[in-house]
Amino acid sequence: MRKSWFISSLTMILIFAVSLVGCSNTTTTTPKASEPAKKEFKVGLVTDVGGLNDHSFNFLANKGLEQAVKDLGVKKGVVESKQMTDYETNLSRFAQDKYNLVIAVGFLMQDAVEKVSKDFPDTKFMIIDSSITDRPNVASAMFKTEQCGYLVGVMAGLLEKDPAIPNALSKNTVGLVGGMKIPPVDDYIAGFIQGAKSVNSDIKINLKYTNKFDDPALGKQTALSQIAAGADIVFHIAGGTGTGVIDAAKEKKVYAIGVDADQNYMAPDTVITSALKGMDVATFDIIKNVMDDKFKSGNVFFDLSNNGVGFANPTKVVPKEVVDKVNDAAKQIKDGKITVSNIIPSGF
């Protein structure tokens, strides 16, 4: 009887102890307060008529936006303009939809940005390659591309003096194919001419404008005429039209210099280097500044000193001694020993 009573009492004690532990666990667990929802940050990008497949400035700006999507978690919207009259409508659409930042790619959108930024003063805008300094809600990304134009000009001028390069036509002639005659195009051209002439005063430079950024067939036709006149290096500053310039050089087994992005992938045996414009970096940086409440209106400059411009690693066709001289010219520009003008020399 005593043994039975002892076992029953022990059982009751154990049950009571377990219940206390259970109660203790329950009362000390506090549900976490739900975190506030992260506010959505929207960025809209409007291309010019060249579109995203220009392998050039529209492509690069979108690349910077894609990086912001990946690294910063922004929500993106992209509209490709089919004609110049689309610019104002496309910019306004993003502003009406309360996007935090609206990006206009290219000088040709200046008038549209000036109007739309006035209509939507609470929306922040970024424009590439155009200086708007009188609006508190507009940041202008400006590139000193005369500097990288100078460097690829030095490279071309030195190569034209060396008849040993494969497929050289030995005419001491290069071709320049511009899109429209606007400052972002002419800055490159001005630098290229100065660079080429600085090392090869007798070089012949055949300059043509296509007046289009979206016509590869016209670019190819223009470059073929320059090659027929003796150019064995052609440099395009023509957006999507420039893809035709590269095709012409490839077809005739001469050389091309790309623009804005490293375009060697388009024709690895043809594109010996590219004049680089860091629009992807500029786009990402300004998006981040807006997110961090560090937006600054007015001009934001990018040049050799902050790696905003440069040139792509040359292919093996370019001798090391030529590359060394181009690097030396870059250093002299950074050190202020060479000043490159963005004005095209007279005679062109």
C-alpha atoms as a PDB file:
ATOM      1  CA  MET A   1       0.000   0.000   0.000  1.00  0.00           C
ATOM      2  CA  ARG A   2       2.766   2.438   0.958  1.00  0.00           C
ATOM      3  CA  LYS A   3       4.717   1.470  -2.139  1.00  0.00           C
ATOM      4  CA  SER A   4       1.689   2.136  -4.370  1.00  0.00           C
ATOM      5  CA  TRP A   5       1.109   5.508  -2.674  1.00  0.00           C
ATOM      6  CA  PHE A   6       4.779   6.468  -3.185  1.00  0.00           C
ATOM      7  CA  ILE A   7       4.687   5.650  -6.900  1.00  0.00           C
ATOM      8  CA  SER A   8       1.472   7.600  -7.393  1.00  0.00           C
ATOM      9  CA  SER A   9       2.907  10.612  -5.581  1.00  0.00           C
ATOM     10  CA  LEU A  10       6.101  10.513  -7.644  1.00  0.00           C
ATOM     11  CA  THR A  11       4.108  10.351 -10.844  1.00  0.00           C
ATOM     12  CA  MET A  12       2.091  13.393  -9.844  1.00  0.00           C
ATOM     13  CA  ILE A  13       5.259  15.346  -9.056  1.00  0.00           C
ATOM     14  CA  LEU A  14       6.791  14.525 -12.428  1.00  0.00           C
ATOM     15  CA  ILE A  15       3.651  15.546 -14.294  1.00  0.00           C
ATOM     16  CA  PHE A  16       3.545  18.821 -12.374  1.00  0.00           C
ATOM     17  CA  ALA A  17       7.228  19.512 -13.134  1.00  0.00           C
ATOM     18  CA  VAL A  18       6.755  18.879 -16.861  1.00  0.00           C
ATOM     19  CA  SER A  19       3.773  21.184 -16.929  1.00  0.00           C
ATOM     20  CA  LEU A  20       5.845  23.912 -15.291  1.00  0.00           C
ATOM     21  CA  VAL A  21       8.553  23.562 -17.939  1.00  0.00           C
ATOM     22  CA  GLY A  22       5.956  23.741 -20.674  1.00  0.00           C
ATOM     23  CA  CYS A  23       4.418  26.829 -19.146  1.00  0.00           C
ATOM     24  CA  SER A  24       7.855  28.392 -18.766  1.00  0.00           C
ATOM     25  CA  ASN A  25       8.691  27.829 -22.454  1.00  0.00           C
ATOM     26  CA  THR A  26       5.397  29.289 -23.546  1.00  0.00           C
ATOM     27  CA  THR A  27       5.561  32.417 -21.461  1.00  0.00           C
ATOM     28  CA  THR A  28       9.163  33.325 -22.375  1.00  0.00           C
ATOM     29  CA  THR A  29       8.675  33.108 -26.181  1.00  0.00           C
ATOM     30  CA  THR A  30       7.727  36.535 -27.506  1.00  0.00           C
ATOM     31  CA  PRO A  31       6.626  36.774 -31.143  1.00  0.00           C
ATOM     32  CA  LYS A  32       8.775  39.163 -33.183  1.00  0.00           C
ATOM     33  CA  ALA A  33       7.174  42.324 -34.331  1.00  0.00           C
ATOM     34  CA  SER A  34       6.746  42.351 -38.093  1.00  0.00           C
ATOM     35  CA  GLU A  35       9.342  44.528 -39.859  1.00  0.00           C
ATOM     36  CA  PRO A  36       7.992  47.506 -41.770  1.00  0.00           C
ATOM     37  CA  ALA A  37       7.671  46.832 -45.503  1.00  0.00           C
ATOM     38  CA  LYS A  38      10.579  48.160 -47.521  1.00  0.00           C
ATOM     39  CA  LYS A  39       9.516  51.127 -49.625  1.00  0.00           C
ATOM     40  CA  GLU A  40       9.610  50.431 -53.353  1.00  0.00           C
ATOM     41  CA  PHE A  41      12.124  52.511 -55.319  1.00  0.00           C
ATOM     42  CA  LYS A  42      11.301  52.860 -59.011  1.00  0.00           C
ATOM     43  CA  VAL A  43      13.637  53.955 -61.804  1.00  0.00           C
ATOM     44  CA  GLY A  44      12.440  54.554 -65.359  1.00  0.00           C
ATOM     45  CA  LEU A  45      14.803  54.708 -68.343  1.00  0.00           C
ATOM     46  CA  VAL A  46      13.934  56.191 -71.729  1.00  0.00           C
ATOM     47  CA  THR A  47      16.245  55.384 -74.645  1.00  0.00           C
ATOM     48  CA  ASP A  48      16.787  57.578 -77.639  1.00  0.00           C
ATOM     49  CA  VAL A  49      15.927  56.299 -81.111  1.00  0.00           C
ATOM     50  CA  GLY A  50      19.012  54.059 -81.186  1.00  0.00           C
ATOM     51  CA  GLY A  51      17.349  51.604 -78.795  1.00  0.00           C
ATOM     52  CA  LEU A  52      18.820  49.089 -76.378  1.00  0.00           C
ATOM     53  CA  ASN A  53      20.522  47.062 -79.107  1.00  0.00           C
ATOM     54  CA  ASP A  54      22.820  49.875 -80.184  1.00  0.00           C
ATOM     55  CA  HIS A  55      25.754  48.134 -78.379  1.00  0.00           C
ATOM     56  CA  SER A  56      26.635  51.643 -77.266  1.00  0.00           C
ATOM     57  CA  PHE A  57      25.200  54.383 -75.041  1.00  0.00           C
ATOM     58  CA  ASN A  58      21.630  53.107 -74.602  1.00  0.00           C
ATOM     59  CA  PHE A  59      22.999  49.620 -73.962  1.00  0.00           C
ATOM     60  CA  LEU A  60      25.419  50.944 -71.333  1.00  0.00           C
ATOM     61  CA  ALA A  61      22.861  53.074 -69.495  1.00  0.00           C
ATOM     62  CA  ASN A  62      20.566  50.066 -69.248  1.00  0.00           C
ATOM     63  CA  LYS A  63      23.490  47.971 -68.021  1.00  0.00           C
ATOM     64  CA  GLY A  64      23.917  50.407 -65.125  1.00  0.00           C
ATOM     65  CA  LEU A  65      20.192  50.178 -64.374  1.00  0.00           C
ATOM     66  CA  GLU A  66      20.322  46.371 -64.420  1.00  0.00           C
ATOM     67  CA  GLN A  67      23.189  46.515 -61.920  1.00  0.00           C
ATOM     68  CA  ALA A  68      21.056  48.710 -59.657  1.00  0.00           C
ATOM     69  CA  VAL A  69      18.244  46.159 -59.861  1.00  0.00           C
ATOM     70  CA  LYS A  70      20.651  43.427 -58.811  1.00  0.00           C
ATOM     71  CA  ASP A  71      22.636  45.269 -56.145  1.00  0.00           C
ATOM     72  CA  LEU A  72      20.168  47.848 -54.806  1.00  0.00           C
ATOM     73  CA  GLY A  73      16.830  46.133 -55.341  1.00  0.00           C
ATOM     74  CA  VAL A  74      15.247  48.880 -57.428  1.00  0.00           C
ATOM     75  CA  LYS A  75      12.254  48.252 -59.650  1.00  0.00           C
ATOM     76  CA  LYS A  76      12.950  49.211 -63.254  1.00  0.00           C
ATOM     77  CA  GLY A  77      10.923  50.383 -66.198  1.00  0.00           C
ATOM     78  CA  VAL A  78      12.382  50.805 -69.702  1.00  0.00           C
ATOM     79  CA  VAL A  79      10.847  52.386 -72.785  1.00  0.00           C
ATOM     80  CA  GLU A  80      12.584  52.414 -76.175  1.00  0.00           C
ATOM     81  CA  SER A  81      11.757  55.533 -78.161  1.00  0.00           C
ATOM     82  CA  LYS A  82      10.897  54.865 -81.786  1.00  0.00           C
ATOM     83  CA  GLN A  83      11.086  58.479 -82.915  1.00  0.00           C
ATOM     84  CA  MET A  84      12.218  61.763 -81.429  1.00  0.00           C
ATOM     85  CA  THR A  85       8.652  62.922 -80.879  1.00  0.00           C
ATOM     86  CA  ASP A  86       8.258  60.062 -78.362  1.00  0.00           C
ATOM     87  CA  TYR A  87      10.703  61.537 -75.850  1.00  0.00           C
ATOM     88  CA  GLU A  88       8.371  63.872 -73.992  1.00  0.00           C
ATOM     89  CA  THR A  89       5.552  61.327 -73.809  1.00  0.00           C
ATOM     90  CA  ASN A  90       7.833  58.553 -72.551  1.00  0.00           C
ATOM     91  CA  LEU A  91       9.442  60.709 -69.874  1.00  0.00           C
ATOM     92  CA  SER A  92       6.052  62.012 -68.724  1.00  0.00           C
ATOM     93  CA  ARG A  93       4.674  58.498 -68.393  1.00  0.00           C
ATOM     94  CA  PHE A  94       7.258  57.556 -65.762  1.00  0.00           C
ATOM     95  CA  ALA A  95       6.807  60.844 -63.907  1.00  0.00           C
ATOM     96  CA  GLN A  96       3.021  60.405 -63.843  1.00  0.00           C
ATOM     97  CA  ASP A  97       3.511  56.901 -62.443  1.00  0.00           C
ATOM     98  CA  LYS A  98       5.496  58.355 -59.512  1.00  0.00           C
ATOM     99  CA  TYR A  99       8.892  56.901 -60.426  1.00  0.00           C
ATOM    100  CA  ASN A 100      11.608  58.091 -58.055  1.00  0.00           C
ATOM    101  CA  LEU A 101      14.123  58.737 -60.852  1.00  0.00           C
ATOM    102  CA  VAL A 102      13.612  59.091 -64.589  1.00  0.00           C
ATOM    103  CA  ILE A 103      16.674  58.651 -66.843  1.00  0.00           C
ATOM    104  CA  ALA A 104      16.911  60.223 -70.301  1.00  0.00           C
ATOM    105  CA  VAL A 105      19.640  58.702 -72.448  1.00  0.00           C
ATOM    106  CA  GLY A 106      21.232  61.212 -74.760  1.00  0.00           C
ATOM    107  CA  PHE A 107      21.730  64.805 -75.812  1.00  0.00           C
ATOM    108  CA  LEU A 108      18.733  64.689 -78.134  1.00  0.00           C
ATOM    109  CA  MET A 109      16.368  64.580 -75.138  1.00  0.00           C
ATOM    110  CA  GLN A 110      17.420  67.935 -73.688  1.00  0.00           C
ATOM    111  CA  ASP A 111      14.307  69.863 -74.746  1.00  0.00           C
ATOM    112  CA  ALA A 112      12.005  67.089 -73.542  1.00  0.00           C
ATOM    113  CA  VAL A 113      13.748  66.862 -70.155  1.00  0.00           C
ATOM    114  CA  GLU A 114      13.627  70.628 -69.670  1.00  0.00           C
ATOM    115  CA  LYS A 115       9.870  70.640 -70.254  1.00  0.00           C
ATOM    116  CA  VAL A 116       8.932  67.479 -68.345  1.00  0.00           C
ATOM    117  CA  SER A 117      11.136  68.302 -65.348  1.00  0.00           C
ATOM    118  CA  LYS A 118       9.309  71.622 -65.064  1.00  0.00           C
ATOM    119  CA  ASP A 119       5.929  69.895 -65.286  1.00  0.00           C
ATOM    120  CA  PHE A 120       6.919  67.398 -62.564  1.00  0.00           C
ATOM    121  CA  PRO A 121       9.090  69.339 -60.070  1.00  0.00           C
ATOM    122  CA  ASP A 122       8.843  66.601 -57.428  1.00  0.00           C
ATOM    123  CA  THR A 123      10.326  63.945 -59.731  1.00  0.00           C
ATOM    124  CA  LYS A 124      14.089  63.609 -60.070  1.00  0.00           C
ATOM    125  CA  PHE A 125      15.609  63.286 -63.538  1.00  0.00           C
ATOM    126  CA  MET A 126      18.989  62.263 -64.908  1.00  0.00           C
ATOM    127  CA  ILE A 127      20.084  63.127 -68.432  1.00  0.00           C
ATOM    128  CA  ILE A 128      23.199  61.756 -70.103  1.00  0.00           C
ATOM    129  CA  ASP A 129      25.384  63.921 -72.363  1.00  0.00           C
ATOM    130  CA  SER A 130      23.457  67.157 -71.965  1.00  0.00           C
ATOM    131  CA  SER A 131      24.088  70.023 -69.557  1.00  0.00           C
ATOM    132  CA  ILE A 132      20.997  71.238 -67.689  1.00  0.00           C
ATOM    133  CA  THR A 133      22.036  73.383 -64.742  1.00  0.00           C
ATOM    134  CA  ASP A 134      18.966  75.496 -63.936  1.00  0.00           C
ATOM    135  CA  ARG A 135      16.692  72.764 -62.551  1.00  0.00           C
ATOM    136  CA  PRO A 136      16.938  71.555 -58.946  1.00  0.00           C
ATOM    137  CA  ASN A 137      15.515  68.151 -59.946  1.00  0.00           C
ATOM    138  CA  VAL A 138      17.849  67.365 -62.888  1.00  0.00           C
ATOM    139  CA  ALA A 139      21.337  65.819 -62.753  1.00  0.00           C
ATOM    140  CA  SER A 140      23.435  65.898 -65.932  1.00  0.00           C
ATOM    141  CA  ALA A 141      26.066  63.185 -66.456  1.00  0.00           C
ATOM    142  CA  MET A 142      28.778  64.769 -68.610  1.00  0.00           C
ATOM    143  CA  PHE A 143      31.763  62.921 -70.073  1.00  0.00           C
ATOM    144  CA  LYS A 144      35.043  64.394 -71.314  1.00  0.00           C
ATOM    145  CA  THR A 145      35.172  62.004 -74.247  1.00  0.00           C
ATOM    146  CA  GLU A 146      37.620  64.244 -76.077  1.00  0.00           C
ATOM    147  CA  GLN A 147      40.175  62.640 -73.741  1.00  0.00           C
ATOM    148  CA  CYS A 148      39.491  59.011 -74.713  1.00  0.00           C
ATOM    149  CA  GLY A 149      39.052  60.129 -78.314  1.00  0.00           C
ATOM    150  CA  TYR A 150      42.570  61.577 -78.126  1.00  0.00           C
ATOM    151  CA  LEU A 151      43.974  58.275 -76.858  1.00  0.00           C
ATOM    152  CA  VAL A 152      42.498  56.106 -79.613  1.00  0.00           C
ATOM    153  CA  GLY A 153      43.587  58.802 -82.063  1.00  0.00           C
ATOM    154  CA  VAL A 154      47.178  58.449 -80.830  1.00  0.00           C
ATOM    155  CA  MET A 155      46.881  54.684 -81.291  1.00  0.00           C
ATOM    156  CA  ALA A 156      45.519  55.008 -84.832  1.00  0.00           C
ATOM    157  CA  GLY A 157      48.110  57.622 -85.804  1.00  0.00           C
ATOM    158  CA  LEU A 158      50.982  55.435 -84.629  1.00  0.00           C
ATOM    159  CA  LEU A 159      49.589  52.336 -86.359  1.00  0.00           C
ATOM    160  CA  GLU A 160      49.269  54.224 -89.654  1.00  0.00           C
ATOM    161  CA  LYS A 161      52.996  54.964 -89.477  1.00  0.00           C
ATOM    162  CA  ASP A 162      53.751  51.236 -89.164  1.00  0.00           C
ATOM    163  CA  PRO A 163      53.153  49.469 -92.514  1.00  0.00           C
ATOM    164  CA  ALA A 164      53.984  46.135 -90.866  1.00  0.00           C
ATOM    165  CA  ILE A 165      50.545  45.724 -89.290  1.00  0.00           C
ATOM    166  CA  PRO A 166      48.564  42.936 -91.007  1.00  0.00           C
ATOM    167  CA  ASN A 167      46.287  44.048 -93.863  1.00  0.00           C
ATOM    168  CA  ALA A 168      47.581  47.612 -93.821  1.00  0.00           C
ATOM    169  CA  LEU A 169      46.670  49.566 -96.932  1.00  0.00           C
ATOM    170  CA  SER A 170      49.675  51.857 -96.383  1.00  0.00           C
ATOM    171  CA  LYS A 171      47.723  54.979 -97.345  1.00  0.00           C
ATOM    172  CA  ASN A 172      48.187  56.706 -93.956  1.00  0.00           C
ATOM    173  CA  THR A 173      44.413  57.224 -93.938  1.00  0.00           C
ATOM    174  CA  VAL A 174      41.708  56.651 -91.318  1.00  0.00           C
ATOM    175  CA  GLY A 175      37.950  57.050 -91.461  1.00  0.00           C
ATOM    176  CA  LEU A 176      35.679  58.709 -88.903  1.00  0.00           C
ATOM    177  CA  VAL A 177      31.945  58.015 -89.070  1.00  0.00           C
ATOM    178  CA  GLY A 178      29.819  60.288 -86.900  1.00  0.00           C
ATOM    179  CA  GLY A 179      26.118  59.973 -86.241  1.00  0.00           C
ATOM    180  CA  MET A 180      24.552  63.401 -85.847  1.00  0.00           C
ATOM    181  CA  LYS A 181      26.704  66.508 -85.608  1.00  0.00           C
ATOM    182  CA  ILE A 182      26.032  67.156 -81.931  1.00  0.00           C
ATOM    183  CA  PRO A 183      28.437  67.864 -79.045  1.00  0.00           C
ATOM    184  CA  PRO A 184      28.668  64.294 -77.651  1.00  0.00           C
ATOM    185  CA  VAL A 185      29.739  63.074 -81.100  1.00  0.00           C
ATOM    186  CA  ASP A 186      32.012  65.992 -81.922  1.00  0.00           C
ATOM    187  CA  ASP A 187      33.808  65.729 -78.568  1.00  0.00           C
ATOM    188  CA  TYR A 188      35.089  62.284 -79.540  1.00  0.00           C
ATOM    189  CA  ILE A 189      35.995  63.457 -83.036  1.00  0.00           C
ATOM    190  CA  ALA A 190      37.853  66.543 -81.805  1.00  0.00           C
ATOM    191  CA  GLY A 191      39.954  64.438 -79.453  1.00  0.00           C
ATOM    192  CA  PHE A 192      40.666  61.783 -82.077  1.00  0.00           C
ATOM    193  CA  ILE A 193      41.922  64.311 -84.632  1.00  0.00           C
ATOM    194  CA  GLN A 194      44.203  66.009 -82.082  1.00  0.00           C
ATOM    195  CA  GLY A 195      45.594  62.677 -80.880  1.00  0.00           C
ATOM    196  CA  ALA A 196      46.250  61.300 -84.360  1.00  0.00           C
ATOM    197  CA  LYS A 197      47.875  64.522 -85.549  1.00  0.00           C
ATOM    198  CA  SER A 198      50.055  64.745 -82.436  1.00  0.00           C
ATOM    199  CA  VAL A 199      51.977  61.626 -83.493  1.00  0.00           C
ATOM    200  CA  ASN A 200      51.404  61.623 -87.256  1.00  0.00           C
ATOM    201  CA  SER A 201      51.073  65.114 -88.685  1.00  0.00           C
ATOM    202  CA  ASP A 202      50.613  63.855 -92.263  1.00  0.00           C
ATOM    203  CA  ILE A 203      47.753  61.460 -91.515  1.00  0.00           C
ATOM    204  CA  LYS A 204      44.651  61.821 -93.704  1.00  0.00           C
ATOM    205  CA  ILE A 205      41.356  61.798 -91.793  1.00  0.00           C
ATOM    206  CA  ASN A 206      38.173  61.145 -93.770  1.00  0.00           C
ATOM    207  CA  LEU A 207      35.230  62.417 -91.696  1.00  0.00           C
ATOM    208  CA  LYS A 208      31.598  61.703 -92.622  1.00  0.00           C
ATOM    209  CA  TYR A 209      28.324  62.139 -90.732  1.00  0.00           C
ATOM    210  CA  THR A 210      25.367  59.830 -91.335  1.00  0.00           C
ATOM    211  CA  ASN A 211      22.862  61.990 -89.406  1.00  0.00           C
ATOM    212  CA  LYS A 212      21.399  58.820 -87.922  1.00  0.00           C
ATOM    213  CA  PHE A 213      22.036  56.636 -84.898  1.00  0.00           C
ATOM    214  CA  ASP A 214      19.840  53.720 -85.977  1.00  0.00           C
ATOM    215  CA  ASP A 215      20.827  52.832 -89.548  1.00  0.00           C
ATOM    216  CA  PRO A 216      23.513  50.100 -89.723  1.00  0.00           C
ATOM    217  CA  ALA A 217      23.135  49.816 -93.510  1.00  0.00           C
ATOM    218  CA  LEU A 218      24.028  53.485 -93.946  1.00  0.00           C
ATOM    219  CA  GLY A 219      26.933  53.090 -91.544  1.00  0.00           C
ATOM    220  CA  LYS A 220      28.291  50.197 -93.577  1.00  0.00           C
ATOM    221  CA  GLN A 221      27.890  52.058 -96.850  1.00  0.00           C
ATOM    222  CA  THR A 222      29.716  55.094 -95.438  1.00  0.00           C
ATOM    223  CA  ALA A 223      32.594  53.039 -94.064  1.00  0.00           C
ATOM    224  CA  LEU A 224      32.967  51.035 -97.293  1.00  0.00           C
ATOM    225  CA  SER A 225      33.454  54.289 -99.213  1.00  0.00           C
ATOM    226  CA  GLN A 226      36.136  55.373 -96.734  1.00  0.00           C
ATOM    227  CA  ILE A 227      37.902  52.012 -96.985  1.00  0.00           C
ATOM    228  CA  ALA A 228      37.805  52.263-100.773  1.00  0.00           C
ATOM    229  CA  ALA A 229      39.548  55.633-100.408  1.00  0.00           C
ATOM    230  CA  GLY A 230      42.387  54.052 -98.421  1.00  0.00           C
ATOM    231  CA  ALA A 231      41.239  53.947 -94.796  1.00  0.00           C
ATOM    232  CA  ASP A 232      42.408  50.794 -93.014  1.00  0.00           C
ATOM    233  CA  ILE A 233      41.189  51.954 -89.586  1.00  0.00           C
ATOM    234  CA  VAL A 234      37.636  53.283 -89.136  1.00  0.00           C
ATOM    235  CA  PHE A 235      36.342  54.813 -85.909  1.00  0.00           C
ATOM    236  CA  HIS A 236      32.606  55.242 -85.464  1.00  0.00           C
ATOM    237  CA  ILE A 237      30.732  57.527 -83.106  1.00  0.00           C
ATOM    238  CA  ALA A 238      27.314  56.632 -84.413  1.00  0.00           C
ATOM    239  CA  GLY A 239      25.418  54.435 -81.952  1.00  0.00           C
ATOM    240  CA  GLY A 240      23.522  51.653 -83.719  1.00  0.00           C
ATOM    241  CA  THR A 241      24.601  52.996 -87.108  1.00  0.00           C
ATOM    242  CA  GLY A 242      28.142  52.139 -86.069  1.00  0.00           C
ATOM    243  CA  THR A 243      27.438  48.405 -86.091  1.00  0.00           C
ATOM    244  CA  GLY A 244      27.432  48.699 -89.875  1.00  0.00           C
ATOM    245  CA  VAL A 245      30.814  50.430 -89.757  1.00  0.00           C
ATOM    246  CA  ILE A 246      32.252  47.449 -87.869  1.00  0.00           C
ATOM    247  CA  ASP A 247      30.628  45.066 -90.375  1.00  0.00           C
ATOM    248  CA  ALA A 248      32.283  46.931 -93.262  1.00  0.00           C
ATOM    249  CA  ALA A 249      35.727  46.736 -91.638  1.00  0.00           C
ATOM    250  CA  LYS A 250      35.236  43.040 -90.971  1.00  0.00           C
ATOM    251  CA  GLU A 251      34.151  42.378 -94.534  1.00  0.00           C
ATOM    252  CA  LYS A 252      37.152  44.200 -96.002  1.00  0.00           C
ATOM    253  CA  LYS A 253      39.575  42.719 -93.432  1.00  0.00           C
ATOM    254  CA  VAL A 254      40.678  46.092 -92.086  1.00  0.00           C
ATOM    255  CA  TYR A 255      40.272  47.473 -88.555  1.00  0.00           C
ATOM    256  CA  ALA A 256      37.667  49.284 -86.511  1.00  0.00           C
ATOM    257  CA  ILE A 257      37.664  51.220 -83.250  1.00  0.00           C
ATOM    258  CA  GLY A 258      34.529  50.871 -81.157  1.00  0.00           C
ATOM    259  CA  VAL A 259      32.846  53.512 -79.042  1.00  0.00           C
ATOM    260  CA  ASP A 260      31.274  53.912 -75.590  1.00  0.00           C
ATOM    261  CA  ALA A 261      31.455  50.190 -74.670  1.00  0.00           C
ATOM    262  CA  ASP A 262      34.176  47.628 -75.420  1.00  0.00           C
ATOM    263  CA  GLN A 263      32.851  46.426 -78.781  1.00  0.00           C
ATOM    264  CA  ASN A 264      35.529  43.854 -79.477  1.00  0.00           C
ATOM    265  CA  TYR A 265      32.980  41.061 -78.897  1.00  0.00           C
ATOM    266  CA  MET A 266      31.157  42.161 -82.044  1.00  0.00           C
ATOM    267  CA  ALA A 267      34.139  41.333 -84.265  1.00  0.00           C
ATOM    268  CA  PRO A 268      37.161  40.097 -82.256  1.00  0.00           C
ATOM    269  CA  ASP A 269      39.605  40.153 -85.176  1.00  0.00           C
ATOM    270  CA  THR A 270      38.427  43.567 -86.367  1.00  0.00           C
ATOM    271  CA  VAL A 271      37.822  45.849 -83.370  1.00  0.00           C
ATOM    272  CA  ILE A 272      41.317  46.616 -82.070  1.00  0.00           C
ATOM    273  CA  THR A 273      40.156  48.830 -79.168  1.00  0.00           C
ATOM    274  CA  SER A 274      37.232  51.040 -78.147  1.00  0.00           C
ATOM    275  CA  ALA A 275      36.960  54.538 -76.714  1.00  0.00           C
ATOM    276  CA  LEU A 276      35.124  53.974 -73.443  1.00  0.00           C
ATOM    277  CA  LYS A 277      32.463  56.109 -71.789  1.00  0.00           C
ATOM    278  CA  GLY A 278      31.401  54.879 -68.339  1.00  0.00           C
ATOM    279  CA  MET A 279      27.685  55.492 -68.647  1.00  0.00           C
ATOM    280  CA  ASP A 280      26.882  52.279 -66.799  1.00  0.00           C
ATOM    281  CA  VAL A 281      28.885  53.473 -63.784  1.00  0.00           C
ATOM    282  CA  ALA A 282      27.386  56.967 -63.945  1.00  0.00           C
ATOM    283  CA  THR A 283      23.852  55.588 -64.131  1.00  0.00           C
ATOM    284  CA  PHE A 284      24.396  53.273 -61.164  1.00  0.00           C
ATOM    285  CA  ASP A 285      26.074  55.986 -59.081  1.00  0.00           C
ATOM    286  CA  ILE A 286      23.303  58.539 -59.573  1.00  0.00           C
ATOM    287  CA  ILE A 287      20.597  55.955 -58.818  1.00  0.00           C
ATOM    288  CA  LYS A 288      22.394  55.130 -55.568  1.00  0.00           C
ATOM    289  CA  ASN A 289      22.769  58.812 -54.707  1.00  0.00           C
ATOM    290  CA  VAL A 290      19.028  59.329 -55.078  1.00  0.00           C
ATOM    291  CA  MET A 291      18.322  56.297 -52.876  1.00  0.00           C
ATOM    292  CA  ASP A 292      20.746  57.604 -50.242  1.00  0.00           C
ATOM    293  CA  ASP A 293      19.239  61.129 -50.334  1.00  0.00           C
ATOM    294  CA  LYS A 294      22.486  62.452 -51.818  1.00  0.00           C
ATOM    295  CA  PHE A 295      21.074  63.632 -55.151  1.00  0.00           C
ATOM    296  CA  LYS A 296      22.884  66.640 -56.610  1.00  0.00           C
ATOM    297  CA  SER A 297      21.468  68.630 -59.476  1.00  0.00           C
ATOM    298  CA  GLY A 298      23.559  70.153 -62.257  1.00  0.00           C
ATOM    299  CA  ASN A 299      26.594  68.763 -64.021  1.00  0.00           C
ATOM    300  CA  VAL A 300      28.406  65.672 -62.776  1.00  0.00           C
ATOM    301  CA  PHE A 301      31.653  65.211 -64.718  1.00  0.00           C
ATOM    302  CA  PHE A 302      33.387  61.969 -65.657  1.00  0.00           C
ATOM    303  CA  ASP A 303      36.880  61.917 -67.196  1.00  0.00           C
ATOM    304  CA  LEU A 304      40.232  60.115 -67.078  1.00  0.00           C
ATOM    305  CA  SER A 305      40.893  61.306 -63.533  1.00  0.00           C
ATOM    306  CA  ASN A 306      37.920  59.381 -62.103  1.00  0.00           C
ATOM    307  CA  ASN A 307      37.949  56.556 -64.667  1.00  0.00           C
ATOM    308  CA  GLY A 308      34.838  57.935 -66.327  1.00  0.00           C
ATOM    309  CA  VAL A 309      36.443  57.544 -69.768  1.00  0.00           C
ATOM    310  CA  GLY A 310      39.282  55.423 -71.136  1.00  0.00           C
ATOM    311  CA  PHE A 311      40.136  52.878 -73.810  1.00  0.00           C
ATOM    312  CA  ALA A 312      39.639  49.124 -73.984  1.00  0.00           C
ATOM    313  CA  ASN A 313      42.567  46.718 -73.859  1.00  0.00           C
ATOM    314  CA  PRO A 314      43.917  46.565 -77.417  1.00  0.00           C
ATOM    315  CA  THR A 315      44.156  43.341 -79.364  1.00  0.00           C
ATOM    316  CA  LYS A 316      47.469  41.706 -80.240  1.00  0.00           C
ATOM    317  CA  VAL A 317      47.546  43.591 -83.548  1.00  0.00           C
ATOM    318  CA  VAL A 318      48.608  46.673 -81.603  1.00  0.00           C
ATOM    319  CA  PRO A 319      52.334  46.485 -80.700  1.00  0.00           C
ATOM    320  CA  LYS A 320      53.329  46.938 -77.064  1.00  0.00           C
ATOM    321  CA  GLU A 321      55.363  50.047 -77.819  1.00  0.00           C
ATOM    322  CA  VAL A 322      52.224  51.674 -79.254  1.00  0.00           C
ATOM    323  CA  VAL A 323      50.196  50.758 -76.173  1.00  0.00           C
ATOM    324  CA  ASP A 324      52.949  52.169 -73.961  1.00  0.00           C
ATOM    325  CA  LYS A 325      52.826  55.495 -75.805  1.00  0.00           C
ATOM    326  CA  VAL A 326      49.038  55.641 -75.472  1.00  0.00           C
ATOM    327  CA  ASN A 327      49.324  54.968 -71.738  1.00  0.00           C
ATOM    328  CA  ASP A 328      51.931  57.708 -71.477  1.00  0.00           C
ATOM    329  CA  ALA A 329      49.575  60.138 -73.228  1.00  0.00           C
ATOM    330  CA  ALA A 330      46.842  59.194 -70.737  1.00  0.00           C
ATOM    331  CA  LYS A 331      49.183  59.956 -67.848  1.00  0.00           C
ATOM    332  CA  GLN A 332      50.106  63.320 -69.330  1.00  0.00           C
ATOM    333  CA  ILE A 333      46.424  64.220 -69.656  1.00  0.00           C
ATOM    334  CA  LYS A 334      45.817  63.277 -66.022  1.00  0.00           C
ATOM    335  CA  ASP A 335      48.870  65.271 -64.946  1.00  0.00           C
ATOM    336  CA  GLY A 336      47.737  68.333 -66.881  1.00  0.00           C
ATOM    337  CA  LYS A 337      50.661  68.234 -69.302  1.00  0.00           C
ATOM    338  CA  ILE A 338      48.343  67.633 -72.262  1.00  0.00           C
ATOM    339  CA  THR A 339      45.095  69.590 -72.564  1.00  0.00           C
ATOM    340  CA  VAL A 340      42.596  68.200 -75.063  1.00  0.00           C
ATOM    341  CA  SER A 341      40.077  70.559 -76.624  1.00  0.00           C
ATOM    342  CA  ASN A 342      36.543  69.476 -77.465  1.00  0.00           C
ATOM    343  CA  ILE A 343      36.524  71.751 -80.495  1.00  0.00           C
ATOM    344  CA  ILE A 344      37.100  70.122 -83.890  1.00  0.00           C
ATOM    345  CA  PRO A 345      40.151  71.703 -85.555  1.00  0.00           C
ATOM    346  CA  SER A 346      39.490  73.892 -88.588  1.00  0.00           C
ATOM    347  CA  GLY A 347      39.557  72.119 -91.918  1.00  0.00           C
ATOM    348  CA  PHE A 348      37.209  69.291 -90.931  1.00  0.00           C
END
